[in-house]
């Protein structure tokens, strides 16, 4: 649980979970699975402890069976963006995209100005 809390506190400092300084390679597999369960099922600490116990038992059985612990793997980022509703309906054009970018630039500029005025 300490490794899980350490990872959750410092994960934003690393581009990928595989880059995090794990205390042992198995912790990568256990902690990332715990975090996935936490996010997917909205688990609290009590449920996460049960997930950790289950994962520790599973890894213990694998190691007793002679399996080795694989090294952490860097996952590729999913870079494709879903199509917008406007694109699906044929409502977007290069002109509307340009207008949208210009409007976004104006909003960003307003936000910057309001921050400097404060």
N, C-alpha and C. Protein backbone atom coordinates (compact mmCIF):
# COMPACT_ATOMS: atom_id res chain seq x y z
N UNK A 1 0.84 -1.20 0.00
CA UNK A 1 0.00 0.00 0.00
C UNK A 1 0.87 1.25 0.00
N UNK A 2 2.03 1.17 0.65
CA UNK A 2 2.94 2.32 0.67
C UNK A 2 3.45 2.62 -0.73
N UNK A 3 3.75 1.58 -1.50
CA UNK A 3 4.23 1.77 -2.88
C UNK A 3 3.12 2.36 -3.74
N UNK A 4 1.89 1.92 -3.53
CA UNK A 4 0.74 2.46 -4.26
C UNK A 4 0.58 3.95 -3.96
N UNK A 5 0.65 4.31 -2.70
CA UNK A 5 0.51 5.72 -2.32
C UNK A 5 1.66 6.56 -2.85
N UNK A 6 2.87 6.00 -2.83
CA UNK A 6 4.04 6.71 -3.37
C UNK A 6 3.88 6.94 -4.87
N UNK A 7 3.37 5.92 -5.57
CA UNK A 7 3.16 6.06 -7.01
C UNK A 7 2.09 7.11 -7.30
N UNK A 8 0.97 7.05 -6.60
CA UNK A 8 -0.11 8.00 -6.83
C UNK A 8 0.35 9.44 -6.56
N UNK A 9 1.21 9.61 -5.58
CA UNK A 9 1.69 10.96 -5.24
C UNK A 9 2.69 11.48 -6.27
N UNK A 10 3.48 10.59 -6.87
CA UNK A 10 4.55 11.06 -7.75
C UNK A 10 4.41 10.70 -9.21
N UNK A 11 3.29 10.12 -9.61
CA UNK A 11 3.18 9.63 -10.98
C UNK A 11 3.18 10.73 -12.03
N UNK A 12 2.77 11.93 -11.66
CA UNK A 12 2.72 13.02 -12.63
C UNK A 12 4.12 13.51 -13.03
N UNK A 13 5.14 13.10 -12.29
CA UNK A 13 6.51 13.50 -12.60
C UNK A 13 7.15 12.62 -13.67
N UNK A 14 6.42 11.61 -14.15
CA UNK A 14 6.95 10.66 -15.11
C UNK A 14 6.00 10.55 -16.30
N UNK A 15 6.57 10.41 -17.49
CA UNK A 15 5.75 10.35 -18.70
C UNK A 15 4.98 9.04 -18.80
N UNK A 16 5.48 8.00 -18.15
CA UNK A 16 4.83 6.69 -18.21
C UNK A 16 5.08 5.96 -16.91
N UNK A 17 4.19 5.06 -16.55
CA UNK A 17 4.34 4.30 -15.31
C UNK A 17 5.62 3.46 -15.32
N UNK A 18 6.06 3.04 -16.49
CA UNK A 18 7.29 2.24 -16.57
C UNK A 18 8.52 3.05 -16.19
N UNK A 19 8.44 4.35 -16.28
CA UNK A 19 9.58 5.22 -15.96
C UNK A 19 9.68 5.48 -14.45
N UNK A 20 8.64 5.19 -13.71
CA UNK A 20 8.61 5.42 -12.26
C UNK A 20 9.66 4.53 -11.59
N UNK A 21 10.36 5.01 -10.55
CA UNK A 21 11.37 4.19 -9.87
C UNK A 21 10.74 3.17 -8.91
N UNK A 22 10.34 2.04 -9.43
CA UNK A 22 9.68 1.01 -8.62
C UNK A 22 10.69 0.35 -7.69
N UNK A 23 10.24 -0.06 -6.52
CA UNK A 23 11.11 -0.75 -5.57
C UNK A 23 11.44 -2.16 -6.07
N UNK A 24 10.54 -2.74 -6.86
CA UNK A 24 10.74 -4.06 -7.46
C UNK A 24 9.89 -4.12 -8.73
N UNK A 25 10.32 -4.86 -9.76
CA UNK A 25 9.54 -4.92 -11.01
C UNK A 25 8.09 -5.39 -10.82
N UNK A 26 7.86 -6.28 -9.87
CA UNK A 26 6.50 -6.78 -9.66
C UNK A 26 5.56 -5.67 -9.18
N UNK A 27 6.13 -4.66 -8.52
CA UNK A 27 5.30 -3.57 -8.02
C UNK A 27 4.65 -2.80 -9.17
N UNK A 28 5.34 -2.70 -10.30
CA UNK A 28 4.75 -2.05 -11.48
C UNK A 28 3.43 -2.74 -11.85
N UNK A 29 3.47 -4.06 -11.93
CA UNK A 29 2.29 -4.81 -12.36
C UNK A 29 1.18 -4.76 -11.32
N UNK A 30 1.53 -4.82 -10.06
CA UNK A 30 0.53 -4.81 -9.00
C UNK A 30 -0.09 -3.42 -8.85
N UNK A 31 0.74 -2.41 -8.76
CA UNK A 31 0.24 -1.05 -8.50
C UNK A 31 -0.55 -0.50 -9.68
N UNK A 32 -0.10 -0.73 -10.90
CA UNK A 32 -0.85 -0.22 -12.05
C UNK A 32 -2.21 -0.92 -12.17
N UNK A 33 -2.26 -2.19 -11.81
CA UNK A 33 -3.55 -2.90 -11.82
C UNK A 33 -4.45 -2.37 -10.70
N UNK A 34 -3.87 -2.06 -9.55
CA UNK A 34 -4.65 -1.48 -8.45
C UNK A 34 -5.23 -0.13 -8.86
N UNK A 35 -4.41 0.67 -9.50
CA UNK A 35 -4.88 2.00 -9.93
C UNK A 35 -5.99 1.88 -10.97
N UNK A 36 -5.85 0.92 -11.89
CA UNK A 36 -6.90 0.70 -12.89
C UNK A 36 -8.20 0.32 -12.20
N UNK A 37 -8.13 -0.58 -11.23
CA UNK A 37 -9.32 -1.00 -10.49
C UNK A 37 -9.91 0.17 -9.72
N UNK A 38 -9.06 0.99 -9.13
CA UNK A 38 -9.53 2.14 -8.36
C UNK A 38 -10.33 3.09 -9.26
N UNK A 39 -9.79 3.36 -10.44
CA UNK A 39 -10.45 4.29 -11.35
C UNK A 39 -11.70 3.67 -11.99
N UNK A 40 -11.61 2.41 -12.36
CA UNK A 40 -12.73 1.76 -13.04
C UNK A 40 -13.91 1.51 -12.12
N UNK A 41 -13.64 1.10 -10.89
CA UNK A 41 -14.72 0.72 -9.98
C UNK A 41 -14.91 1.69 -8.82
N UNK A 42 -14.15 2.79 -8.81
CA UNK A 42 -14.25 3.80 -7.75
C UNK A 42 -14.00 3.18 -6.37
N UNK A 43 -12.97 2.34 -6.30
CA UNK A 43 -12.63 1.66 -5.04
C UNK A 43 -12.07 2.62 -4.01
N UNK A 44 -12.38 2.37 -2.76
CA UNK A 44 -11.77 3.06 -1.64
C UNK A 44 -10.59 2.24 -1.14
N UNK A 45 -10.01 2.66 -0.02
CA UNK A 45 -8.82 1.98 0.49
C UNK A 45 -9.10 0.53 0.91
N UNK A 46 -10.26 0.27 1.48
CA UNK A 46 -10.56 -1.10 1.90
C UNK A 46 -10.63 -2.03 0.70
N UNK A 47 -11.30 -1.59 -0.36
CA UNK A 47 -11.39 -2.43 -1.57
C UNK A 47 -10.03 -2.58 -2.23
N UNK A 48 -9.22 -1.51 -2.20
CA UNK A 48 -7.89 -1.58 -2.80
C UNK A 48 -7.01 -2.58 -2.05
N UNK A 49 -7.16 -2.66 -0.74
CA UNK A 49 -6.39 -3.65 0.03
C UNK A 49 -6.75 -5.06 -0.42
N UNK A 50 -8.04 -5.31 -0.69
CA UNK A 50 -8.47 -6.62 -1.16
C UNK A 50 -7.89 -6.91 -2.54
N UNK A 51 -7.89 -5.89 -3.40
CA UNK A 51 -7.30 -6.05 -4.74
C UNK A 51 -5.82 -6.37 -4.60
N UNK A 52 -5.14 -5.66 -3.70
CA UNK A 52 -3.71 -5.89 -3.49
C UNK A 52 -3.46 -7.31 -2.99
N UNK A 53 -4.27 -7.78 -2.06
CA UNK A 53 -4.12 -9.15 -1.54
C UNK A 53 -4.29 -10.17 -2.66
N UNK A 54 -5.32 -9.97 -3.48
CA UNK A 54 -5.57 -10.89 -4.60
C UNK A 54 -4.39 -10.90 -5.57
N UNK A 55 -3.91 -9.71 -5.92
CA UNK A 55 -2.79 -9.63 -6.86
C UNK A 55 -1.52 -10.23 -6.28
N UNK A 56 -1.27 -10.02 -4.99
CA UNK A 56 -0.09 -10.61 -4.36
C UNK A 56 -0.17 -12.13 -4.37
N UNK A 57 -1.36 -12.67 -4.11
CA UNK A 57 -1.53 -14.13 -4.17
C UNK A 57 -1.28 -14.64 -5.59
N UNK A 58 -1.84 -13.95 -6.59
CA UNK A 58 -1.67 -14.37 -7.98
C UNK A 58 -0.19 -14.36 -8.38
N UNK A 59 0.50 -13.28 -8.02
CA UNK A 59 1.93 -13.20 -8.36
C UNK A 59 2.73 -14.25 -7.58
N UNK A 60 2.36 -14.52 -6.35
CA UNK A 60 3.03 -15.56 -5.58
C UNK A 60 2.91 -16.92 -6.25
N UNK A 61 1.72 -17.24 -6.74
CA UNK A 61 1.50 -18.51 -7.44
C UNK A 61 2.32 -18.57 -8.72
N UNK A 62 2.36 -17.46 -9.45
CA UNK A 62 3.15 -17.43 -10.70
C UNK A 62 4.63 -17.67 -10.41
N UNK A 63 5.13 -17.03 -9.36
CA UNK A 63 6.55 -17.18 -9.03
C UNK A 63 6.85 -18.59 -8.54
N UNK A 64 5.93 -19.20 -7.78
CA UNK A 64 6.13 -20.57 -7.33
C UNK A 64 6.10 -21.55 -8.50
N UNK A 65 5.37 -21.19 -9.54
CA UNK A 65 5.29 -22.04 -10.73
C UNK A 65 6.52 -21.86 -11.62
N UNK A 66 7.41 -20.96 -11.25
CA UNK A 66 8.64 -20.78 -12.01
C UNK A 66 8.61 -19.66 -13.03
N UNK A 67 7.52 -18.92 -13.07
CA UNK A 67 7.46 -17.79 -14.01
C UNK A 67 8.36 -16.67 -13.51
N UNK A 68 8.84 -15.88 -14.44
CA UNK A 68 9.65 -14.73 -14.06
C UNK A 68 8.78 -13.47 -14.14
N UNK A 69 9.25 -12.43 -13.49
CA UNK A 69 8.53 -11.16 -13.49
C UNK A 69 8.99 -10.36 -14.69
N UNK A 70 8.10 -10.03 -15.60
CA UNK A 70 8.52 -9.24 -16.76
C UNK A 70 8.86 -7.81 -16.35
N UNK A 71 9.76 -7.21 -17.09
CA UNK A 71 10.15 -5.83 -16.81
C UNK A 71 8.98 -4.91 -17.16
N UNK A 72 8.90 -3.75 -16.51
CA UNK A 72 7.86 -2.78 -16.87
C UNK A 72 7.94 -2.41 -18.35
N UNK A 73 6.79 -2.21 -18.95
CA UNK A 73 6.71 -1.95 -20.38
C UNK A 73 6.14 -0.56 -20.61
N UNK A 74 6.81 0.22 -21.45
CA UNK A 74 6.29 1.54 -21.80
C UNK A 74 5.14 1.34 -22.77
N UNK A 75 4.01 1.93 -22.44
CA UNK A 75 2.82 1.80 -23.28
C UNK A 75 2.76 2.97 -24.24
N UNK A 76 2.36 2.68 -25.46
CA UNK A 76 2.23 3.73 -26.46
C UNK A 76 0.96 4.53 -26.20
N UNK A 77 1.08 5.81 -26.37
CA UNK A 77 -0.06 6.70 -26.16
C UNK A 77 -1.01 6.57 -27.34
N UNK A 78 -2.30 6.54 -27.06
CA UNK A 78 -3.33 6.49 -28.09
C UNK A 78 -3.54 7.91 -28.60
N UNK A 79 -3.08 8.19 -29.83
CA UNK A 79 -3.08 9.57 -30.30
C UNK A 79 -4.21 9.90 -31.27
N UNK A 80 -5.03 8.94 -31.65
CA UNK A 80 -6.11 9.26 -32.56
C UNK A 80 -7.25 9.91 -31.79
N UNK A 81 -7.81 10.93 -32.36
CA UNK A 81 -8.92 11.63 -31.72
C UNK A 81 -10.23 11.16 -32.34
N UNK A 82 -11.26 11.02 -31.54
CA UNK A 82 -12.55 10.61 -32.10
C UNK A 82 -13.11 11.73 -32.98
N UNK A 83 -13.88 11.32 -33.96
CA UNK A 83 -14.50 12.32 -34.82
C UNK A 83 -15.54 13.10 -34.04
N UNK A 84 -15.65 14.37 -34.35
CA UNK A 84 -16.64 15.21 -33.68
C UNK A 84 -18.01 14.99 -34.34
N UNK A 85 -19.03 15.38 -33.63
CA UNK A 85 -20.39 15.26 -34.17
C UNK A 85 -20.53 16.12 -35.42
N UNK A 86 -19.93 17.31 -35.38
CA UNK A 86 -19.99 18.19 -36.55
C UNK A 86 -19.34 17.57 -37.76
N UNK A 87 -18.24 16.87 -37.56
CA UNK A 87 -17.57 16.20 -38.68
C UNK A 87 -18.42 15.04 -39.20
N UNK A 88 -19.02 14.30 -38.28
CA UNK A 88 -19.87 13.17 -38.69
C UNK A 88 -21.05 13.64 -39.52
N UNK A 89 -21.61 14.80 -39.15
CA UNK A 89 -22.78 15.33 -39.87
C UNK A 89 -22.40 16.20 -41.05
N UNK A 90 -21.11 16.37 -41.29
CA UNK A 90 -20.66 17.18 -42.43
C UNK A 90 -20.78 18.67 -42.18
N UNK A 91 -20.78 19.09 -40.91
CA UNK A 91 -20.95 20.50 -40.59
C UNK A 91 -19.64 21.27 -40.48
N UNK A 92 -18.53 20.57 -40.38
CA UNK A 92 -17.25 21.26 -40.24
C UNK A 92 -16.59 21.42 -41.60
N UNK A 93 -15.97 22.56 -41.76
CA UNK A 93 -15.22 22.88 -42.99
C UNK A 93 -13.91 23.51 -42.56
N UNK A 94 -12.98 23.69 -43.48
CA UNK A 94 -11.75 24.38 -43.10
C UNK A 94 -12.02 25.79 -42.54
N UNK A 95 -13.07 26.44 -43.05
CA UNK A 95 -13.39 27.79 -42.56
C UNK A 95 -13.90 27.74 -41.12
N UNK A 96 -14.77 26.79 -40.80
CA UNK A 96 -15.29 26.71 -39.43
C UNK A 96 -14.18 26.30 -38.46
N UNK A 97 -13.27 25.44 -38.92
CA UNK A 97 -12.13 25.07 -38.08
C UNK A 97 -11.25 26.29 -37.80
N UNK A 98 -11.04 27.13 -38.83
CA UNK A 98 -10.23 28.34 -38.66
C UNK A 98 -10.90 29.29 -37.67
N UNK A 99 -12.22 29.47 -37.81
CA UNK A 99 -12.95 30.34 -36.89
C UNK A 99 -12.86 29.81 -35.46
N UNK A 100 -12.95 28.52 -35.31
CA UNK A 100 -12.86 27.91 -33.98
C UNK A 100 -11.49 28.14 -33.35
N UNK A 101 -10.42 27.98 -34.15
CA UNK A 101 -9.07 28.22 -33.63
C UNK A 101 -8.89 29.69 -33.24
N UNK A 102 -9.45 30.60 -34.06
CA UNK A 102 -9.35 32.03 -33.75
C UNK A 102 -10.10 32.36 -32.45
N UNK A 103 -11.28 31.78 -32.29
CA UNK A 103 -12.06 32.04 -31.07
C UNK A 103 -11.33 31.49 -29.85
N UNK A 104 -10.75 30.32 -29.98
CA UNK A 104 -10.00 29.74 -28.88
C UNK A 104 -8.79 30.62 -28.54
N UNK A 105 -8.12 31.15 -29.54
CA UNK A 105 -6.98 32.04 -29.30
C UNK A 105 -7.42 33.30 -28.55
N UNK A 106 -8.60 33.84 -28.90
CA UNK A 106 -9.12 35.02 -28.20
C UNK A 106 -9.44 34.70 -26.74
N UNK A 107 -10.01 33.55 -26.49
CA UNK A 107 -10.34 33.15 -25.12
C UNK A 107 -9.06 32.99 -24.30
N UNK A 108 -8.06 32.35 -24.88
CA UNK A 108 -6.79 32.17 -24.19
C UNK A 108 -6.16 33.53 -23.88
N UNK A 109 -6.21 34.44 -24.84
CA UNK A 109 -5.66 35.78 -24.64
C UNK A 109 -6.38 36.52 -23.51
N UNK A 110 -7.71 36.41 -23.48
CA UNK A 110 -8.49 37.05 -22.40
C UNK A 110 -8.09 36.49 -21.04
N UNK A 111 -7.93 35.17 -20.97
CA UNK A 111 -7.54 34.54 -19.71
C UNK A 111 -6.16 35.01 -19.26
N UNK A 112 -5.24 35.11 -20.19
CA UNK A 112 -3.90 35.61 -19.85
C UNK A 112 -3.96 37.04 -19.34
N UNK A 113 -4.77 37.87 -20.00
CA UNK A 113 -4.88 39.28 -19.58
C UNK A 113 -5.50 39.39 -18.19
N UNK A 114 -6.53 38.58 -17.93
CA UNK A 114 -7.18 38.66 -16.62
C UNK A 114 -6.24 38.17 -15.52
N UNK A 115 -5.36 37.23 -15.81
CA UNK A 115 -4.41 36.75 -14.81
C UNK A 115 -3.36 37.81 -14.51
N UNK A 116 -2.93 38.53 -15.54
CA UNK A 116 -1.91 39.56 -15.31
C UNK A 116 -2.49 40.76 -14.59
N UNK A 117 -3.80 41.00 -14.74
CA UNK A 117 -4.45 42.12 -14.06
C UNK A 117 -4.69 41.83 -12.59
N UNK A 118 -4.67 40.58 -12.18
CA UNK A 118 -4.95 40.23 -10.79
C UNK A 118 -3.78 40.38 -9.91
